[in-house]
Amino acid sequence: MGKRYFCDYCDRSFQDNLHNRKKHLNGVQHLRAKRVWYDLFRDAAAILQEEQSKKPCRKFLQTGQCDFGSNCRFSHMTEQDLEKLSAQVQGEQRLKELRQEGADVPPGTIEDWLEKRAKRLSVAQNS
């Protein structure tokens, strides 16, 4: 049967030879899957800038669904979504500025907060 090539982006495998691999890597489905994968790691500022430049998708606003999905050239974000994203970008910018100034920025994870709270409660109970 021969070797098989597994594409992590598309989550599929096929017989590995030069023709099949080249055909797959240049295919529309692979390029879309690869773009979706890398879009998961974009920062909020880039997403906000892109979404603000798009017009809203009428079909998505009317029905809540769009036939094109993530390939739609229009924005599927509501005004509330854009406001939340804008607030997130502003928060990230403030945090970045504080770090540049050398300010002591507390860790922002919930696990850290829970650990500190548990320590404070245990100290308070022992006292």
Protein backbone atom coordinates (compact mmCIF):
# COMPACT_ATOMS: atom_id res chain seq x y z
CA MET A 1 0.00 0.00 0.00
CA GLY A 2 2.83 2.48 0.73
CA LYS A 3 3.27 5.42 3.03
CA ARG A 4 0.44 7.72 3.95
CA TYR A 5 0.60 11.46 4.53
CA PHE A 6 -1.50 12.95 7.33
CA CYS A 7 -2.42 16.63 7.10
CA ASP A 8 -2.86 18.16 10.56
CA TYR A 9 -4.75 21.17 9.21
CA CYS A 10 -7.34 19.15 7.32
CA ASP A 11 -7.35 16.12 9.66
CA ARG A 12 -7.15 13.66 6.78
CA SER A 13 -4.65 11.31 5.24
CA PHE A 14 -3.88 10.17 1.72
CA GLN A 15 -1.29 8.14 -0.16
CA ASP A 16 2.02 9.98 0.01
CA ASN A 17 3.55 10.74 -3.35
CA LEU A 18 4.67 13.96 -4.99
CA HIS A 19 1.57 14.42 -7.11
CA ASN A 20 -0.97 13.78 -4.31
CA ARG A 21 0.86 15.91 -1.77
CA LYS A 22 1.28 18.83 -4.17
CA LYS A 23 -2.37 18.58 -5.23
CA HIS A 24 -3.50 18.58 -1.60
CA LEU A 25 -1.25 21.41 -0.41
CA ASN A 26 -2.45 23.66 -3.25
CA GLY A 27 -6.10 22.68 -2.83
CA VAL A 28 -8.79 25.12 -1.69
CA GLN A 29 -9.89 23.01 1.29
CA HIS A 30 -6.34 22.75 2.64
CA LEU A 31 -5.68 26.47 2.21
CA ARG A 32 -8.94 27.33 4.01
CA ALA A 33 -8.22 24.91 6.85
CA LYS A 34 -4.70 26.29 7.19
CA ARG A 35 -6.03 29.88 7.30
CA VAL A 36 -8.59 28.97 9.97
CA TRP A 37 -5.86 27.31 12.05
CA TYR A 38 -3.59 30.36 11.96
CA ASP A 39 -6.52 32.71 12.60
CA LEU A 40 -6.95 31.04 15.99
CA PHE A 41 -3.65 32.59 17.10
CA ARG A 42 -4.14 36.16 15.86
CA ASP A 43 -4.12 38.92 18.43
CA ALA A 44 -7.29 40.81 19.28
CA ALA A 45 -6.09 44.08 17.72
CA ALA A 46 -5.67 42.48 14.29
CA ILE A 47 -9.09 40.83 14.52
CA LEU A 48 -10.72 44.10 15.58
CA GLN A 49 -9.09 46.05 12.76
CA GLU A 50 -10.19 43.48 10.19
CA GLU A 51 -13.75 43.22 11.49
CA GLN A 52 -14.22 47.00 11.63
CA SER A 53 -13.22 47.32 7.98
CA LYS A 54 -15.90 44.81 6.90
CA LYS A 55 -19.56 45.55 6.33
CA PRO A 56 -22.04 43.53 8.43
CA CYS A 57 -23.43 40.36 6.87
CA ARG A 58 -27.15 40.91 6.28
CA LYS A 59 -27.95 37.20 6.06
CA PHE A 60 -26.20 36.53 9.38
CA LEU A 61 -27.96 39.44 11.10
CA GLN A 62 -31.39 38.36 9.82
CA THR A 63 -31.19 34.61 10.35
CA GLY A 64 -28.23 34.06 12.65
CA GLN A 65 -26.59 31.81 10.04
CA CYS A 66 -24.55 32.38 6.92
CA ASP A 67 -23.96 29.84 4.16
CA PHE A 68 -20.36 31.01 3.74
CA GLY A 69 -19.40 30.65 7.43
CA SER A 70 -15.83 31.71 8.17
CA ASN A 71 -15.23 32.29 4.44
CA CYS A 72 -17.78 35.12 4.30
CA ARG A 73 -16.31 38.45 3.25
CA PHE A 74 -18.71 40.30 5.54
CA SER A 75 -18.53 40.62 9.32
CA HIS A 76 -20.51 38.26 11.56
CA MET A 77 -19.83 40.31 14.70
CA THR A 78 -22.57 42.30 16.40
CA GLU A 79 -22.04 45.74 17.91
CA GLN A 80 -21.75 44.15 21.37
CA ASP A 81 -19.08 41.74 20.11
CA LEU A 82 -17.11 44.63 18.61
CA GLU A 83 -17.39 46.59 21.87
CA LYS A 84 -16.13 43.60 23.89
CA LEU A 85 -13.25 43.10 21.48
CA SER A 86 -12.40 46.80 21.63
CA ALA A 87 -12.38 46.68 25.44
CA GLN A 88 -10.12 43.63 25.34
CA VAL A 89 -7.69 45.41 22.99
CA GLN A 90 -7.61 48.47 25.26
CA GLY A 91 -6.97 46.27 28.29
CA GLU A 92 -4.12 44.51 26.53
CA GLN A 93 -2.62 47.86 25.52
CA ARG A 94 -2.82 49.15 29.12
CA LEU A 95 -1.18 45.98 30.41
CA LYS A 96 1.58 46.28 27.81
CA GLU A 97 2.19 49.92 28.76
CA LEU A 98 2.36 49.02 32.46
CA ARG A 99 4.90 46.31 31.74
CA GLN A 100 7.01 48.72 29.69
CA GLU A 101 6.98 51.22 32.55
CA GLY A 102 8.25 48.50 34.85
CA ALA A 103 5.16 48.45 37.05
CA ASP A 104 4.46 45.30 39.05
CA VAL A 105 1.58 43.70 37.15
CA PRO A 106 -0.24 40.96 39.03
CA PRO A 107 -0.76 37.68 37.17
CA GLY A 108 -4.12 37.60 35.47
CA THR A 109 -5.09 33.95 35.78
CA ILE A 110 -7.93 32.76 37.93
CA GLU A 111 -5.85 29.89 39.25
CA ASP A 112 -3.34 32.31 40.78
CA TRP A 113 -6.13 34.31 42.38
CA LEU A 114 -7.71 31.15 43.82
CA GLU A 115 -4.35 30.04 45.27
CA LYS A 116 -3.80 33.40 46.95
CA ARG A 117 -7.36 33.38 48.30
CA ALA A 118 -6.94 29.86 49.70
CA LYS A 119 -3.69 30.91 51.43
CA ARG A 120 -5.34 34.00 52.94
CA LEU A 121 -8.29 31.94 54.18
CA SER A 122 -6.05 29.30 55.73
CA VAL A 123 -3.98 31.99 57.49
CA ALA A 124 -7.16 33.67 58.73
CA GLN A 125 -8.54 30.37 60.08
CA ASN A 126 -5.27 29.55 61.87
CA SER A 127 -5.21 32.95 63.55
